């Protein structure tokens, strides 16, 4: 997947992850993209550790993996932010 694919998947995954975790009002477009890209890496690691496939290209499965990773990442960030 190319650079533009990572940006698009990252933006969608970060936005969906921020909606799921309730952070959407506090995050802008750049934060959503960064969280989505980091979530893609984290989600790929998580799915590979449990025996599944990680990011496989520009498709819905990769978006799902990135959203799961973004939700986990935002959950961890929220734990530290609320203290």
Protein backbone atom coordinates (compact mmCIF):
# COMPACT_ATOMS: atom_id res chain seq x y z
CA UNK A 1 0.00 0.00 0.00
CA UNK A 2 1.39 3.38 -0.94
CA UNK A 3 1.74 6.60 0.97
CA UNK A 4 -1.66 7.91 -0.13
CA UNK A 5 -3.32 4.64 0.89
CA UNK A 6 -1.88 4.94 4.40
CA UNK A 7 -3.15 8.52 4.64
CA UNK A 8 -6.68 7.55 3.53
CA UNK A 9 -6.91 4.42 5.70
CA UNK A 10 -5.33 6.35 8.59
CA UNK A 11 -7.81 9.22 8.31
CA UNK A 12 -10.82 6.90 8.19
CA UNK A 13 -9.55 4.61 10.96
CA UNK A 14 -8.58 7.52 13.21
CA UNK A 15 -11.92 9.23 12.67
CA UNK A 16 -13.91 6.05 13.36
CA UNK A 17 -11.73 5.24 16.37
CA UNK A 18 -12.22 8.74 17.79
CA UNK A 19 -16.00 8.42 17.37
CA UNK A 20 -16.02 5.02 19.10
CA UNK A 21 -13.93 6.25 22.05
CA UNK A 22 -15.69 9.63 22.35
CA UNK A 23 -12.65 11.72 21.40
CA UNK A 24 -14.04 13.13 18.15
CA UNK A 25 -14.72 16.63 19.53
CA UNK A 26 -11.12 16.99 20.77
CA UNK A 27 -9.33 15.70 17.66
CA UNK A 28 -8.66 17.38 14.35
CA UNK A 29 -7.94 15.89 10.95
CA UNK A 30 -4.18 15.63 11.46
CA UNK A 31 -4.61 13.89 14.83
CA UNK A 32 -7.09 11.46 13.26
CA UNK A 33 -4.62 10.62 10.47
CA UNK A 34 -1.73 10.10 12.89
CA UNK A 35 -3.81 7.99 15.27
CA UNK A 36 -5.15 5.95 12.35
CA UNK A 37 -1.69 5.25 10.94
CA UNK A 38 -0.32 4.33 14.37
CA UNK A 39 -3.49 2.28 14.91
CA UNK A 40 -2.80 0.43 11.67
CA UNK A 41 0.62 -0.61 12.94
CA UNK A 42 -0.73 -1.49 16.39
CA UNK A 43 -3.75 -3.34 14.97
CA UNK A 44 -1.50 -5.26 12.58
CA UNK A 45 0.71 -6.28 15.49
CA UNK A 46 -2.27 -7.35 17.59
CA UNK A 47 -3.87 -9.35 14.78
CA UNK A 48 -0.55 -11.02 13.89
CA UNK A 49 -0.01 -11.99 17.54
CA UNK A 50 -3.41 -13.72 17.72
CA UNK A 51 -2.81 -15.53 14.45
CA UNK A 52 -4.77 -13.35 12.05
CA UNK A 53 -3.80 -11.21 9.12
CA UNK A 54 -2.73 -7.64 9.67
CA UNK A 55 -2.86 -4.89 7.06
CA UNK A 56 -3.25 -6.59 3.67
CA UNK A 57 -3.65 -3.62 1.35
CA UNK A 58 -6.25 -1.00 0.56
CA UNK A 59 -9.41 -2.90 1.56
CA UNK A 60 -12.08 -3.18 4.27
CA UNK A 61 -10.11 -5.75 6.28
CA UNK A 62 -7.19 -3.35 6.60
CA UNK A 63 -9.57 -0.59 7.64
CA UNK A 64 -11.04 -2.87 10.34
CA UNK A 65 -7.55 -3.76 11.61
CA UNK A 66 -6.57 -0.08 11.71
CA UNK A 67 -9.80 0.89 13.52
CA UNK A 68 -9.22 -1.79 16.17
CA UNK A 69 -5.67 -0.53 16.63
CA UNK A 70 -6.83 3.10 16.80
CA UNK A 71 -9.46 2.25 19.43
CA UNK A 72 -6.85 0.43 21.54
CA UNK A 73 -4.41 3.33 21.17
CA UNK A 74 -7.03 5.96 22.07
CA UNK A 75 -8.19 3.85 25.03
CA UNK A 76 -4.61 3.81 26.36
CA UNK A 77 -4.24 7.56 25.75
CA UNK A 78 -7.53 8.20 27.59
CA UNK A 79 -6.29 6.22 30.60
CA UNK A 80 -3.31 8.53 30.97
CA UNK A 81 -5.16 11.73 30.07
CA UNK A 82 -7.89 11.34 32.69
CA UNK A 83 -5.49 10.90 35.62
